[in-house]
Amino acid sequence: MLVADGKVTALRTVRCTAVFDAGGRFNPTFDEQQVEDIAADSVIFAIGQTSDLAFLDPADGVQSDRGLIKVNRETYQTTAPDVFACGDIAHGARLFIDAIASAQIAARSMHDFLRGTRTEVVVRKQWKPAAYTMADHWNVIGRENPPALNGERRAGTLEIVEEPYAEAEARRQASRCLRCNINTVFDTAKCVACNGCVDVCPENLIRLVGLSTLIEDPAWMEQAVEMFGDLSQYAPEELDQLGAAMTKDETTCIRCALCASRCPTAAILMKEFEFHRECVTVAARNPKVLYMA
């Protein structure tokens, strides 16, 4: 860091020629002949170690605890109402995506504080029809990892380890993707109990069962009683003669769409679950705010 008259003027960088030595150990070497000065009026050190809270003055009213600034975890407002903190300085070392998320929350909170408003994040969601079928032979295409550098080269370099797929292989691997935002939706009024979906399901999670099976499950029993009335008067074999039900284990469904393509009456449809978040704000006012990240 270059300083003149007590002020930062530039950041001086030196070219790094190697990070590891011949034995693969971390031992950086530099070319002192290749120096670059980057003009700057301030330099912020962000090397991901510990927080330096020496700049805080007791008069600020911002309290800290074990090296972190105390915040309301829902708003990231500190103990000084007009000061907000987020990121690692507020919640400790986490992934950078957590820092980004906390900054978004802090920004909304500052907006509310300045305007005297309250902002709520509302989830808007809907089901949309989806033209969705899997590629031919998707279930027998094996997973292939992308090409990678050999072990010796990887041990002594900071190059990206994995190399990109060739386009043809990338498309082939992508064709294996089972989209988890696509779901099966059943229209029981159209179902003719042909058992086609049961036969074709690769995970064996769709079953056509007699009512005697349902009485073992309290939740299913409630639905059966709604449809057929009191079932306690029937023996198990009589219940199976009375009716049956189609059951599906959603926890193991892979969204392959085979049941939908097999169904002769279109009782099974593939639909896309779409959602997005909206910020809804109500009310207003106007003090000053300091933001720290």
Protein backbone atom coordinates (compact mmCIF):
# COMPACT_ATOMS: atom_id res chain seq x y z
CA MET A 1 0.00 0.00 0.00
CA LEU A 2 1.49 3.36 -1.05
CA VAL A 3 0.89 6.40 1.13
CA ALA A 4 1.66 10.10 0.51
CA ASP A 5 0.96 12.92 2.97
CA GLY A 6 -0.86 10.47 5.22
CA LYS A 7 -3.25 9.35 2.47
CA VAL A 8 -3.45 6.15 0.42
CA THR A 9 -2.46 6.69 -3.20
CA ALA A 10 -2.16 3.19 -4.63
CA LEU A 11 -2.00 -0.55 -4.03
CA ARG A 12 1.29 -2.09 -5.20
CA THR A 13 1.13 -5.65 -6.52
CA VAL A 14 3.98 -8.02 -7.42
CA ARG A 15 3.63 -10.84 -9.95
CA CYS A 16 3.42 -14.28 -8.34
CA THR A 17 5.35 -16.79 -10.45
CA ALA A 18 4.51 -19.91 -8.43
CA VAL A 19 2.38 -20.77 -5.44
CA PHE A 20 3.88 -24.19 -4.67
CA ASP A 21 7.47 -25.36 -4.71
CA ALA A 22 8.87 -28.44 -6.48
CA GLY A 23 7.74 -30.62 -3.59
CA GLY A 24 4.14 -29.42 -3.87
CA ARG A 25 4.33 -27.38 -0.65
CA PHE A 26 2.81 -23.92 -0.31
CA ASN A 27 5.82 -21.66 -0.90
CA PRO A 28 4.99 -18.64 -3.13
CA THR A 29 7.71 -17.03 -5.23
CA PHE A 30 7.54 -13.58 -6.81
CA ASP A 31 9.10 -11.67 -9.69
CA GLU A 32 10.16 -8.38 -8.10
CA GLN A 33 10.78 -6.95 -11.57
CA GLN A 34 7.08 -7.13 -12.45
CA VAL A 35 5.38 -4.59 -10.22
CA GLU A 36 2.08 -2.80 -10.83
CA ASP A 37 0.63 0.12 -8.89
CA ILE A 38 -3.17 0.35 -8.86
CA ALA A 39 -4.38 3.87 -8.09
CA ALA A 40 -6.68 4.01 -5.05
CA ASP A 41 -7.79 6.40 -2.36
CA SER A 42 -8.67 3.62 0.12
CA VAL A 43 -7.74 -0.04 0.56
CA ILE A 44 -9.96 -2.51 2.40
CA PHE A 45 -8.34 -5.69 3.70
CA ALA A 46 -10.77 -8.59 3.36
CA ILE A 47 -8.81 -11.79 3.94
CA GLY A 48 -11.47 -13.73 5.84
CA GLN A 49 -9.87 -14.01 9.28
CA THR A 50 -11.15 -12.07 12.32
CA SER A 51 -13.13 -8.87 12.65
CA ASP A 52 -11.33 -5.70 13.72
CA LEU A 53 -13.86 -3.78 15.82
CA ALA A 54 -11.38 -1.19 17.11
CA PHE A 55 -13.22 1.52 15.16
CA LEU A 56 -16.27 1.16 17.43
CA ASP A 57 -16.57 3.75 20.18
CA PRO A 58 -18.72 3.08 23.30
CA ALA A 59 -20.53 6.32 22.50
CA ASP A 60 -21.75 4.74 19.27
CA GLY A 61 -24.01 2.41 21.22
CA VAL A 62 -23.06 -0.54 18.98
CA GLN A 63 -22.45 -3.57 21.18
CA SER A 64 -20.31 -6.58 20.26
CA ASP A 65 -19.95 -10.08 21.64
CA ARG A 66 -17.05 -12.50 21.05
CA GLY A 67 -15.73 -10.54 18.09
CA LEU A 68 -19.10 -10.09 16.37
CA ILE A 69 -21.43 -7.10 16.28
CA LYS A 70 -24.70 -7.84 18.04
CA VAL A 71 -27.65 -7.69 15.65
CA ASN A 72 -31.30 -8.60 15.47
CA ARG A 73 -31.08 -11.69 13.22
CA GLU A 74 -34.39 -10.83 11.54
CA THR A 75 -33.46 -7.26 10.60
CA TYR A 76 -29.66 -7.00 11.12
CA GLN A 77 -30.24 -3.86 13.15
CA THR A 78 -27.56 -3.35 15.83
CA THR A 79 -28.05 -2.11 19.39
CA ALA A 80 -27.78 1.40 17.93
CA PRO A 81 -31.13 1.76 16.11
CA ASP A 82 -29.68 3.69 13.17
CA VAL A 83 -26.74 1.32 12.55
CA PHE A 84 -27.02 -1.96 10.66
CA ALA A 85 -24.41 -4.69 10.22
CA CYS A 86 -24.43 -7.85 8.11
CA GLY A 87 -22.17 -10.54 6.71
CA ASP A 88 -19.39 -12.24 8.69
CA ILE A 89 -19.06 -9.27 11.07
CA ALA A 90 -22.62 -9.97 12.25
CA HIS A 91 -23.07 -13.74 12.07
CA GLY A 92 -19.54 -15.15 11.86
CA ALA A 93 -17.79 -17.03 9.07
CA ARG A 94 -20.26 -18.57 6.63
CA LEU A 95 -20.59 -19.06 2.88
CA PHE A 96 -20.56 -15.90 0.77
CA ILE A 97 -24.19 -16.55 -0.24
CA ASP A 98 -25.16 -16.11 3.43
CA ALA A 99 -23.42 -12.73 3.43
CA ILE A 100 -25.33 -11.72 0.29
CA ALA A 101 -28.64 -12.83 1.83
CA SER A 102 -27.96 -10.93 5.06
CA ALA A 103 -27.09 -7.80 3.04
CA GLN A 104 -30.45 -8.00 1.25
CA ILE A 105 -32.26 -8.26 4.58
CA ALA A 106 -30.22 -5.39 6.04
CA ALA A 107 -30.96 -3.22 2.98
CA ARG A 108 -34.71 -3.81 3.35
CA SER A 109 -34.47 -3.09 7.07
CA MET A 110 -32.62 0.20 6.49
CA HIS A 111 -35.21 1.14 3.89
CA ASP A 112 -37.95 0.47 6.44
CA PHE A 113 -36.10 2.34 9.20
CA LEU A 114 -35.61 5.44 7.07
CA ARG A 115 -39.19 5.50 5.83
CA GLY A 116 -40.94 4.21 8.94
CA THR A 117 -42.34 1.29 6.97
CA ARG A 118 -42.58 -2.47 7.39
CA THR A 119 -41.61 -4.78 4.53
CA GLU A 120 -42.78 -8.38 4.29
CA VAL A 121 -41.53 -10.94 1.77
CA VAL A 122 -44.53 -12.65 0.18
CA VAL A 123 -44.21 -15.83 -1.88
CA ARG A 124 -46.39 -15.93 -5.01
CA LYS A 125 -46.90 -19.42 -6.40
CA GLN A 126 -48.86 -21.21 -9.09
CA TRP A 127 -49.09 -24.50 -10.99
CA LYS A 128 -48.48 -24.31 -14.75
CA PRO A 129 -48.93 -27.01 -17.41
CA ALA A 130 -45.58 -28.47 -18.49
CA ALA A 131 -44.68 -30.16 -21.77
CA TYR A 132 -42.28 -32.55 -20.12
CA THR A 133 -40.91 -35.88 -21.26
CA MET A 134 -37.54 -37.45 -20.60
CA ALA A 135 -35.02 -38.13 -23.37
CA ASP A 136 -34.84 -41.65 -24.80
CA HIS A 137 -32.72 -44.01 -22.72
CA TRP A 138 -32.27 -41.43 -19.96
CA ASN A 139 -32.40 -44.19 -17.35
CA VAL A 140 -29.49 -46.16 -18.81
CA ILE A 141 -27.15 -43.27 -19.64
CA GLY A 142 -24.33 -43.45 -17.11
CA ARG A 143 -23.00 -40.48 -15.22
CA GLU A 144 -19.68 -39.26 -16.60
CA ASN A 145 -17.59 -36.80 -14.62
CA PRO A 146 -16.00 -33.98 -16.63
CA PRO A 147 -12.36 -34.42 -17.66
CA ALA A 148 -9.86 -33.28 -15.04
CA LEU A 149 -6.17 -32.49 -14.68
CA ASN A 150 -3.98 -35.37 -13.60
CA GLY A 151 -2.93 -35.67 -9.96
CA GLU A 152 0.66 -34.42 -10.34
CA ARG A 153 -0.41 -31.29 -12.14
CA ARG A 154 -3.23 -30.60 -9.72
CA ALA A 155 -0.88 -30.75 -6.72
CA GLY A 156 1.27 -27.90 -7.96
CA THR A 157 -1.11 -25.47 -9.63
CA LEU A 158 -4.01 -23.16 -8.96
CA GLU A 159 -5.57 -23.92 -12.34
CA ILE A 160 -9.20 -25.01 -12.47
CA VAL A 161 -9.13 -28.75 -11.79
CA GLU A 162 -12.14 -29.76 -13.89
CA GLU A 163 -12.18 -29.09 -17.61
CA PRO A 164 -15.42 -28.43 -19.53
CA TYR A 165 -17.35 -31.22 -21.24
CA ALA A 166 -17.32 -31.36 -25.00
CA GLU A 167 -20.69 -30.00 -26.22
CA ALA A 168 -22.04 -33.39 -27.28
CA GLU A 169 -21.22 -34.97 -23.91
CA ALA A 170 -22.59 -31.96 -22.04
CA ARG A 171 -25.92 -32.33 -23.85
CA ARG A 172 -25.91 -36.08 -23.21
CA GLN A 173 -25.33 -35.61 -19.49
CA ALA A 174 -27.94 -32.83 -19.31
CA SER A 175 -30.52 -35.18 -20.85
CA ARG A 176 -30.35 -37.24 -17.62
CA CYS A 177 -31.67 -34.31 -15.58
CA LEU A 178 -34.90 -35.01 -13.70
CA ARG A 179 -36.55 -31.65 -13.01
CA CYS A 180 -37.69 -31.50 -9.41
CA ASN A 181 -39.97 -28.48 -9.98
CA ILE A 182 -42.15 -30.67 -12.25
CA ASN A 183 -44.69 -32.81 -10.42
CA THR A 184 -47.40 -35.34 -11.19
CA VAL A 185 -50.91 -34.07 -10.62
CA PHE A 186 -53.75 -36.62 -10.53
CA ASP A 187 -57.33 -36.01 -11.65
CA THR A 188 -59.18 -38.82 -9.89
CA ALA A 189 -62.37 -38.13 -11.85
CA LYS A 190 -60.62 -39.32 -15.03
CA CYS A 191 -58.86 -42.35 -13.55
CA VAL A 192 -60.20 -45.71 -14.77
CA ALA A 193 -57.94 -47.80 -12.50
CA CYS A 194 -56.25 -49.47 -15.47
CA ASN A 195 -53.06 -49.98 -13.47
CA GLY A 196 -50.92 -48.64 -16.32
CA CYS A 197 -49.09 -46.15 -14.12
CA VAL A 198 -48.47 -48.85 -11.53
CA ASP A 199 -46.89 -51.12 -14.13
CA VAL A 200 -44.65 -48.48 -15.69
CA CYS A 201 -43.33 -46.71 -12.55
CA PRO A 202 -39.59 -47.46 -12.30
CA GLU A 203 -39.55 -46.73 -8.56
CA ASN A 204 -42.61 -48.89 -7.71
CA LEU A 205 -44.08 -46.02 -5.72
CA ILE A 206 -47.58 -46.04 -7.25
CA ARG A 207 -49.86 -48.77 -5.95
CA LEU A 208 -53.50 -49.76 -6.40
CA VAL A 209 -54.55 -51.10 -3.01
CA GLY A 210 -57.74 -52.34 -1.40
CA LEU A 211 -59.44 -50.40 1.39
CA SER A 212 -58.19 -52.94 3.94
CA THR A 213 -54.72 -51.49 3.44
CA LEU A 214 -55.92 -47.94 4.06
CA ILE A 215 -57.41 -48.62 7.47
CA GLU A 216 -53.85 -49.15 8.76
CA ASP A 217 -53.12 -45.48 8.16
CA PRO A 218 -55.20 -42.95 10.18
CA ALA A 219 -54.87 -40.22 7.54
CA TRP A 220 -56.04 -42.52 4.74
CA MET A 221 -58.76 -43.88 6.98
CA GLU A 222 -60.26 -40.43 7.42
CA GLN A 223 -60.50 -39.98 3.64
CA ALA A 224 -61.95 -43.46 3.19
CA VAL A 225 -64.65 -42.74 5.77
CA GLU A 226 -65.55 -39.52 3.94
CA MET A 227 -66.08 -41.49 0.71
CA PHE A 228 -67.59 -44.73 2.01
CA GLY A 229 -68.94 -43.94 5.48
CA ASP A 230 -68.26 -46.03 8.60
CA LEU A 231 -66.05 -48.97 7.61
CA SER A 232 -65.84 -50.64 11.02
CA GLN A 233 -68.75 -52.94 10.13
CA TYR A 234 -66.78 -54.64 7.33
CA ALA A 235 -64.26 -57.47 7.51
CA PRO A 236 -60.92 -56.83 5.68
CA GLU A 237 -61.86 -59.02 2.70
CA GLU A 238 -65.18 -57.18 2.42
CA LEU A 239 -63.39 -53.84 2.41
CA ASP A 240 -61.33 -54.89 -0.61
CA GLN A 241 -64.50 -55.79 -2.45
CA LEU A 242 -66.01 -52.43 -1.54
CA GLY A 243 -63.32 -50.39 -3.26
CA ALA A 244 -59.68 -49.57 -3.84
CA ALA A 245 -57.45 -46.52 -3.97
CA MET A 246 -54.38 -45.38 -5.85
CA THR A 247 -51.49 -44.40 -3.56
CA LYS A 248 -48.26 -42.59 -4.48
CA ASP A 249 -45.16 -42.08 -2.37
CA GLU A 250 -44.13 -38.50 -3.21
CA THR A 251 -40.89 -38.80 -1.25
CA THR A 252 -39.37 -41.21 -3.79
CA CYS A 253 -40.90 -39.88 -7.04
CA ILE A 254 -38.16 -38.97 -9.56
CA ARG A 255 -40.43 -36.99 -11.95
CA CYS A 256 -39.66 -39.25 -14.91
CA ALA A 257 -43.17 -38.63 -16.44
CA LEU A 258 -43.61 -42.27 -17.47
CA CYS A 259 -46.92 -42.50 -15.61
CA ALA A 260 -48.26 -39.42 -17.40
CA SER A 261 -47.20 -40.69 -20.82
CA ARG A 262 -48.76 -44.13 -20.11
CA CYS A 263 -52.11 -42.87 -18.76
CA PRO A 264 -54.83 -43.46 -21.43
CA THR A 265 -57.27 -40.91 -20.00
CA ALA A 266 -54.85 -38.06 -19.19
CA ALA A 267 -55.73 -38.45 -15.52
CA ILE A 268 -52.07 -37.83 -14.73
CA LEU A 269 -50.56 -34.53 -15.84
CA MET A 270 -47.09 -33.08 -15.40
CA LYS A 271 -47.25 -29.56 -13.99
CA GLU A 272 -44.58 -27.03 -13.16
CA PHE A 273 -44.55 -25.41 -9.76
CA GLU A 274 -43.53 -21.78 -10.21
CA PHE A 275 -42.93 -19.28 -7.44
CA HIS A 276 -41.29 -15.93 -6.86
CA ARG A 277 -40.90 -13.58 -3.93
CA GLU A 278 -42.27 -10.06 -3.71
CA CYS A 279 -41.55 -7.37 -1.14
CA VAL A 280 -44.77 -5.82 0.17
CA THR A 281 -44.30 -2.55 2.07
CA VAL A 282 -46.74 -0.60 4.22
CA ALA A 283 -46.50 3.05 5.85
CA ALA A 284 -43.26 6.30 6.24
CA ARG A 285 -40.64 8.65 8.19
CA ASN A 286 -36.90 9.89 7.81
CA PRO A 287 -33.69 9.68 10.03
CA LYS A 288 -30.07 8.94 8.93
CA VAL A 289 -28.44 5.53 8.76
CA LEU A 290 -24.96 4.00 8.71
CA TYR A 291 -24.44 0.69 6.89
CA MET A 292 -21.65 -1.77 7.74
CA ALA A 293 -20.91 -5.09 5.99
